[in-house]
Protein backbone atom coordinates (compact mmCIF):
# COMPACT_ATOMS: atom_id res chain seq x y z
CA MET A 1 -39.57 46.30 92.52
CA ILE A 2 -40.74 44.18 95.14
CA ARG A 3 -40.87 46.28 98.46
CA LYS A 4 -38.80 45.62 101.01
CA ALA A 5 -41.91 44.73 103.33
CA GLN A 6 -43.12 42.08 100.92
CA LEU A 7 -40.00 40.06 100.55
CA PRO A 8 -40.59 38.29 103.99
CA MET A 9 -44.17 37.34 102.85
CA LEU A 10 -42.73 35.54 99.73
CA ILE A 11 -39.72 33.89 101.69
CA PHE A 12 -42.23 32.88 104.38
CA MET A 13 -44.51 31.09 101.99
CA ILE A 14 -41.60 28.97 100.79
CA VAL A 15 -40.43 28.16 104.44
CA VAL A 16 -43.98 26.96 105.04
CA VAL A 17 -44.07 24.67 102.19
CA ALA A 18 -40.65 23.69 103.23
CA PHE A 19 -41.76 22.89 106.49
CA GLY A 20 -44.93 21.47 105.67
CA THR A 21 -43.72 18.93 103.46
CA VAL A 22 -40.78 17.94 105.59
CA ILE A 23 -43.28 17.21 108.44
CA GLY A 24 -45.61 15.22 106.16
CA MET A 25 -42.72 12.95 105.18
CA LEU A 26 -42.01 12.26 108.79
CA ASN A 27 -45.48 11.43 109.56
CA ALA A 28 -45.68 8.97 106.35
CA GLY A 29 -46.25 5.32 107.26
CA ASP A 30 -42.88 4.34 106.19
CA LYS A 31 -40.68 6.03 108.93
CA ALA A 32 -37.33 4.88 107.75
CA SER A 33 -37.84 6.00 103.83
CA SER A 34 -39.60 9.07 105.01
CA ALA A 35 -36.33 9.98 106.97
CA ASP A 36 -34.10 9.10 104.21
CA GLY A 37 -36.52 11.17 102.20
CA VAL A 38 -36.14 14.32 104.41
CA TYR A 39 -32.07 14.01 104.22
CA ILE A 40 -32.33 14.50 100.42
CA PHE A 41 -35.33 17.26 100.84
CA ILE A 42 -33.92 19.66 102.98
CA PRO A 43 -30.58 20.56 100.95
CA PHE A 44 -33.01 20.90 98.01
CA ILE A 45 -35.15 23.41 100.20
CA ILE A 46 -31.90 25.36 101.29
CA ALA A 47 -30.64 25.46 97.41
CA VAL A 48 -34.17 26.62 96.62
CA LEU A 49 -34.21 29.66 99.24
CA GLY A 50 -30.60 30.26 97.98
CA TYR A 51 -31.47 30.64 94.52
CA THR A 52 -34.89 32.48 95.47
CA PHE A 53 -32.75 35.03 97.38
CA PHE A 54 -30.22 35.44 94.61
CA ARG A 55 -32.89 35.78 91.79
CA THR A 56 -34.76 38.16 93.55
CA LYS A 57 -31.73 40.50 94.48
CA GLN A 58 -30.76 40.29 90.57
CA THR A 59 -34.43 40.82 89.37
CA ASN A 60 -34.95 43.82 91.87
CA GLN A 61 -31.42 45.44 90.64
CA ASN A 62 -32.45 45.00 86.99
CA ILE A 63 -35.98 46.50 87.43
CA PHE A 64 -34.51 49.48 89.69
CA THR A 65 -32.57 50.57 86.59
CA THR A 66 -36.00 50.90 84.89
CA TYR A 67 -37.50 53.11 87.30
CA LYS A 68 -39.46 56.04 86.10
CA LEU A 69 -41.47 58.71 88.02
CA THR A 70 -43.64 61.15 86.29
CA ILE A 71 -45.52 64.18 87.89
CA THR A 72 -47.89 65.93 85.33
CA ASN A 73 -50.52 68.76 86.28
CA ASN A 74 -52.39 66.53 87.98
CA LEU A 75 -51.13 63.03 88.20
CA ILE A 76 -48.18 60.86 89.31
CA THR A 77 -47.30 57.76 87.35
CA ARG A 78 -44.42 55.51 88.40
CA GLU A 79 -43.35 52.97 85.48
CA MET A 80 -40.89 49.85 85.80
CA ASP A 81 -40.24 47.01 83.73
CA GLY A 82 -41.81 43.76 84.49
CA LEU A 83 -44.37 45.51 86.87
CA GLN A 84 -47.92 47.01 86.23
CA GLU A 85 -47.89 50.95 86.00
CA ILE A 86 -49.39 52.98 88.76
CA SER A 87 -50.92 56.24 88.27
CA ILE A 88 -52.38 58.29 91.22
CA TYR A 89 -54.22 61.58 90.74
CA PHE A 90 -53.23 64.19 93.11
CA ASN A 91 -56.71 64.29 94.76
CA ASP A 92 -56.70 60.61 95.14
CA VAL A 93 -53.32 60.99 96.90
CA THR A 94 -54.16 60.08 100.75
CA GLU A 95 -50.78 60.17 102.40
CA ILE A 96 -47.06 60.80 101.38
CA ILE A 97 -44.76 59.55 103.73
CA LYS A 98 -40.80 60.07 104.07
CA ARG A 99 -39.05 57.11 105.62
CA LYS A 100 -36.11 57.48 107.76
CA ASN A 101 -33.76 56.12 105.08
CA GLY A 102 -35.07 59.14 102.63
CA SER A 103 -37.27 57.11 100.48
CA PHE A 104 -41.13 58.17 99.75
CA THR A 105 -44.26 56.11 99.80
CA ILE A 106 -47.16 57.64 98.03
CA LYS A 107 -50.43 56.37 99.00
CA GLY A 108 -53.68 56.30 97.05
CA LYS A 109 -57.19 55.53 98.05
CA ALA A 110 -56.97 52.19 96.74
CA LYS A 111 -54.94 49.71 98.69
CA ALA A 112 -52.89 48.65 95.53
CA ASP A 113 -52.06 52.49 94.67
CA LEU A 114 -48.89 52.61 96.53
CA ILE A 115 -46.00 54.11 95.05
CA GLY A 116 -42.43 53.51 96.55
CA VAL A 117 -39.65 56.36 95.79
CA PRO A 118 -36.06 55.60 96.40
CA ALA A 119 -33.86 57.80 98.20
CA GLU A 120 -31.51 57.48 95.33
CA ILE A 121 -33.82 59.04 92.86
CA ASP A 122 -32.47 62.00 90.71
CA ASN A 123 -33.59 65.66 91.57
CA TYR A 124 -34.26 64.59 95.31
CA ALA A 125 -34.57 67.96 96.48
CA ALA A 126 -36.74 69.37 93.64
CA LEU A 127 -38.95 66.27 94.12
CA GLU A 128 -39.63 66.44 97.70
CA LYS A 129 -40.51 70.12 97.43
CA ARG A 130 -43.12 69.07 94.66
CA LEU A 131 -44.56 66.26 96.48
CA ASN A 132 -45.18 68.44 99.71
CA GLU A 133 -47.04 70.89 97.25
CA ILE A 134 -49.18 68.20 96.21
CA LYS A 135 -49.54 66.50 99.96
CA SER A 136 -47.96 67.66 103.01
CA ILE A 137 -45.40 65.06 103.57
CA SER A 138 -45.52 63.25 107.12
CA GLU A 139 -42.53 62.03 108.75
CA ASN A 140 -41.86 59.56 111.72
CA VAL A 141 -44.85 57.47 110.65
CA PRO A 142 -44.88 54.28 112.81
CA LEU A 143 -44.52 50.89 110.66
CA SER A 144 -47.29 48.48 110.71
CA PHE A 145 -46.66 45.47 113.14
CA ILE A 146 -45.88 43.09 109.97
CA GLU A 147 -43.54 45.66 108.36
CA LYS A 148 -41.85 46.11 111.83
CA TYR A 149 -41.70 42.46 112.69
CA PRO A 150 -42.17 40.58 109.51
CA PHE A 151 -40.61 37.29 110.62
CA ALA A 152 -42.89 36.93 113.56
CA LEU A 153 -45.46 35.85 110.87
CA ILE A 154 -42.80 33.38 109.76
CA LEU A 155 -42.74 31.76 113.34
CA LEU A 156 -46.40 31.77 113.78
CA ALA A 157 -47.02 30.15 110.41
CA ILE A 158 -44.29 27.48 111.27
CA ALA A 159 -45.63 26.80 114.80
CA SER A 160 -48.96 26.47 113.04
CA MET A 161 -47.96 24.25 110.52
CA ALA A 162 -46.27 22.16 113.29
CA GLY A 163 -49.75 22.22 114.83
CA VAL A 164 -51.52 20.86 112.06
CA TYR A 165 -49.20 17.97 111.05
CA ALA A 166 -47.24 16.90 114.10
CA VAL A 167 -49.99 17.33 116.85
CA ASN A 168 -53.15 14.97 117.14
CA ASN A 169 -55.12 17.12 119.79
CA LYS A 170 -58.21 18.19 117.94
CA ILE A 171 -58.18 21.81 119.38
CA VAL A 172 -54.74 22.25 118.70
CA VAL A 173 -55.26 21.09 115.15
CA LEU A 174 -58.15 23.24 114.46
CA LEU A 175 -56.69 26.29 115.75
CA SER A 176 -53.53 25.93 113.90
CA GLY A 177 -55.23 25.08 110.76
CA ILE A 178 -57.46 28.03 110.93
CA ILE A 179 -54.21 30.40 111.52
CA VAL A 180 -52.36 28.65 108.56
CA SER A 181 -55.10 29.07 106.34
CA VAL A 182 -55.70 32.65 107.29
CA ILE A 183 -51.94 33.39 106.65
CA LEU A 184 -52.03 31.59 103.26
CA ILE A 185 -54.97 33.16 101.91
CA TRP A 186 -53.95 36.70 102.93
CA GLY A 187 -50.68 36.01 101.43
CA PHE A 188 -51.90 34.74 98.21
CA VAL A 189 -54.39 37.62 97.88
CA GLU A 190 -52.00 40.39 98.81
CA SER A 191 -49.36 39.24 96.45
CA ARG A 192 -52.04 38.96 93.70
CA ARG A 193 -53.52 42.32 94.13
CA SER A 194 -50.24 44.15 94.48
CA LYS A 195 -49.05 46.22 91.81
CA ASN A 196 -45.50 46.18 93.42
CA ILE A 197 -45.02 42.15 92.51
CA SER A 198 -44.33 41.09 88.89
CA ASP A 199 -46.65 38.99 87.02
CA LYS A 200 -44.03 36.23 87.19
CA VAL A 201 -43.94 36.11 90.65
CA LYS A 202 -47.54 36.19 91.04
CA ARG A 203 -48.13 33.31 88.63
CA SER A 204 -45.84 31.17 90.79
CA MET A 205 -48.00 32.01 93.96
CA TRP A 206 -50.63 29.34 92.88
CA TRP A 207 -48.81 26.68 94.86
CA VAL A 208 -50.07 28.31 97.80
CA LEU A 209 -53.45 26.87 97.01
CA ILE A 210 -52.00 23.15 96.90
CA VAL A 211 -50.40 23.81 100.45
CA LEU A 212 -53.79 25.54 101.68
CA LEU A 213 -55.79 22.44 100.43
CA SER A 214 -53.33 19.88 102.05
CA VAL A 215 -53.87 21.69 105.26
CA ILE A 216 -57.76 21.68 104.83
CA VAL A 217 -57.45 17.93 104.28
CA THR A 218 -55.27 16.98 107.18
CA VAL A 219 -57.53 19.02 109.53
CA ILE A 220 -60.50 17.45 108.49
CA THR A 221 -58.84 13.86 108.38
CA LYS A 222 -57.73 14.49 112.13
CA LEU A 223 -60.93 15.97 113.20
CA THR A 224 -63.14 13.28 111.84
CA GLY A 225 -60.73 10.38 112.20
CA LEU A 226 -60.81 9.32 108.89
CA PRO A 227 -57.78 7.33 107.60
């Protein structure tokens, strides 16, 4: 299951690619043919986004049915089809958070050791009691800025992408290029490292490097004045 906080990251990657491609087409030499290409490309991107939403929702529902949480004498293990198994020893549990919707988040010492427990899990009361014995459960823990305002990152990425492709001011281009590069690299690394994203989705994230290369080349070209 892809955590709710990670869905915007995958979505904004698609938006960035779509936006960057459209801008690149508009800035091509032949404006007329570029505009015609955009009219064809925009419906295609909308279709891709719609398909991505549908497939992600369907995949999450299918994976959720295979969710299994096992607690032994000293180990918490989460198993799900299509996802890497996560095991955290009691001594390595750094925090257990109870969210407002009733779900739990179990954090290990390693950043990738993050187990999400849905509120719909069987024997909820008994599980909550057992988790509280392992580590005192924290409630009302504030979300990080990205978790609370995920689409702020999308807007920043789109604005920065526009700064790279649609602006000729060298300072704006440089700053925008740095911001876009950091966001793309962060998204790529986080998705590759996460144990809550399927291998299939991870493999599809390699195209981010192509976008990153395009951004770097565009920035260098504008800063140096090369054709």
